[in-house]
């Protein structure tokens, strides 16, 4: 395994843990931050999709997307059981939007 691939995989592992920590931590939020929250979901999942792609954990794009979407759903299910967090379908929609954006971006860059 090359040093670059190992570095990407380590970065991915730390990112997954850090995002899970942020998603389950008790944070103050208000309804005025709704757009910022969804942009954060979008950005994090676009970032994770790109990292998963470069980490070459799986070779087929379909399974890559399944893994990242499943991670997003897992976070929402965990939040369902936390008294200071809540399950939101809009968060999953923002996650999927970030995944699709990253997918299209990577395909566009490959074609250039």
Protein backbone atom coordinates (compact mmCIF):
# COMPACT_ATOMS: atom_id res chain seq x y z
CA UNK A 1 0.00 0.00 0.00
CA UNK A 2 1.40 3.37 -0.96
CA UNK A 3 2.03 6.09 1.58
CA UNK A 4 -0.51 8.37 -0.11
CA UNK A 5 -3.26 5.73 0.01
CA UNK A 6 -2.45 5.03 3.66
CA UNK A 7 -2.60 8.76 4.43
CA UNK A 8 -5.99 9.10 2.74
CA UNK A 9 -7.35 6.12 4.67
CA UNK A 10 -6.08 7.48 7.99
CA UNK A 11 -7.60 10.88 7.16
CA UNK A 12 -10.87 9.14 6.30
CA UNK A 13 -10.89 7.23 9.61
CA UNK A 14 -10.24 10.38 11.63
CA UNK A 15 -12.86 12.29 9.63
CA UNK A 16 -15.52 9.63 10.21
CA UNK A 17 -14.85 9.64 13.95
CA UNK A 18 -14.70 13.45 14.15
CA UNK A 19 -17.95 13.92 12.19
CA UNK A 20 -19.66 11.30 14.36
CA UNK A 21 -18.45 13.16 17.47
CA UNK A 22 -19.77 16.49 16.17
CA UNK A 23 -23.08 14.88 15.15
CA UNK A 24 -23.65 13.41 18.61
CA UNK A 25 -22.25 16.20 20.80
CA UNK A 26 -24.55 18.48 22.71
CA UNK A 27 -24.51 21.79 20.86
CA UNK A 28 -26.67 24.87 21.12
CA UNK A 29 -28.69 25.52 18.00
CA UNK A 30 -31.52 27.76 16.94
CA UNK A 31 -33.99 27.67 14.10
CA UNK A 32 -32.10 30.52 12.40
CA UNK A 33 -29.20 28.12 11.87
CA UNK A 34 -31.31 25.69 9.81
CA UNK A 35 -29.69 26.66 6.51
CA UNK A 36 -26.20 26.55 8.04
CA UNK A 37 -26.95 23.09 9.48
CA UNK A 38 -28.01 21.74 6.10
CA UNK A 39 -24.97 23.31 4.39
CA UNK A 40 -22.79 21.65 7.01
CA UNK A 41 -24.40 18.27 6.28
CA UNK A 42 -23.99 18.86 2.53
CA UNK A 43 -20.33 19.83 2.90
CA UNK A 44 -19.38 17.03 5.29
CA UNK A 45 -20.91 14.35 3.10
CA UNK A 46 -19.42 15.76 -0.10
CA UNK A 47 -16.05 15.70 1.68
CA UNK A 48 -16.59 12.14 2.95
CA UNK A 49 -17.63 10.93 -0.50
CA UNK A 50 -14.46 12.33 -2.06
CA UNK A 51 -12.31 10.82 0.71
CA UNK A 52 -14.03 7.42 0.40
CA UNK A 53 -13.41 7.55 -3.33
CA UNK A 54 -9.70 8.32 -2.96
CA UNK A 55 -9.33 5.76 -0.16
CA UNK A 56 -10.39 3.01 -2.58
CA UNK A 57 -12.14 1.04 0.15
CA UNK A 58 -14.56 -0.25 -2.49
CA UNK A 59 -14.11 -0.25 -6.25
CA UNK A 60 -17.72 0.23 -7.36
CA UNK A 61 -19.29 3.67 -7.04
CA UNK A 62 -22.64 2.16 -6.02
CA UNK A 63 -21.17 0.56 -2.88
CA UNK A 64 -19.27 3.73 -2.05
CA UNK A 65 -22.53 5.69 -2.07
CA UNK A 66 -24.31 2.99 -0.07
CA UNK A 67 -21.60 3.17 2.60
CA UNK A 68 -21.69 6.97 2.88
CA UNK A 69 -25.52 7.16 2.89
CA UNK A 70 -25.65 4.38 5.49
CA UNK A 71 -23.24 6.34 7.67
CA UNK A 72 -25.53 9.39 7.43
CA UNK A 73 -28.59 7.34 8.33
CA UNK A 74 -26.70 5.73 11.24
CA UNK A 75 -25.89 9.18 12.61
CA UNK A 76 -29.55 10.20 12.40
CA UNK A 77 -30.69 6.98 14.13
CA UNK A 78 -28.18 7.57 16.95
CA UNK A 79 -29.48 11.14 17.27
CA UNK A 80 -33.00 9.76 17.67
CA UNK A 81 -31.93 8.30 21.02
CA UNK A 82 -30.07 11.36 22.29
CA UNK A 83 -32.20 13.72 24.39
CA UNK A 84 -30.45 16.83 23.05
CA UNK A 85 -30.53 15.82 19.35
CA UNK A 86 -33.26 14.79 16.93
CA UNK A 87 -33.74 12.66 13.84
CA UNK A 88 -34.38 14.80 10.74
CA UNK A 89 -35.18 13.58 7.24
CA UNK A 90 -33.93 16.93 5.90
CA UNK A 91 -30.48 16.08 7.27
CA UNK A 92 -30.49 12.83 5.28
CA UNK A 93 -31.62 14.77 2.21
CA UNK A 94 -28.74 17.24 2.72
CA UNK A 95 -26.35 14.29 3.14
CA UNK A 96 -27.54 12.68 -0.09
CA UNK A 97 -27.31 16.03 -1.89
CA UNK A 98 -23.67 16.37 -0.81
CA UNK A 99 -22.95 12.82 -1.96
CA UNK A 100 -24.53 13.46 -5.37
CA UNK A 101 -22.69 16.76 -5.74
CA UNK A 102 -19.34 15.10 -4.98
CA UNK A 103 -20.16 12.28 -7.39
CA UNK A 104 -20.95 14.68 -10.24
CA UNK A 105 -17.92 16.82 -9.41
CA UNK A 106 -15.56 13.82 -9.50
CA UNK A 107 -17.05 12.57 -12.79
CA UNK A 108 -16.78 16.07 -14.29
CA UNK A 109 -13.13 16.38 -13.26
CA UNK A 110 -12.34 12.90 -14.63
CA UNK A 111 -13.81 13.90 -18.00
CA UNK A 112 -11.69 17.03 -18.29
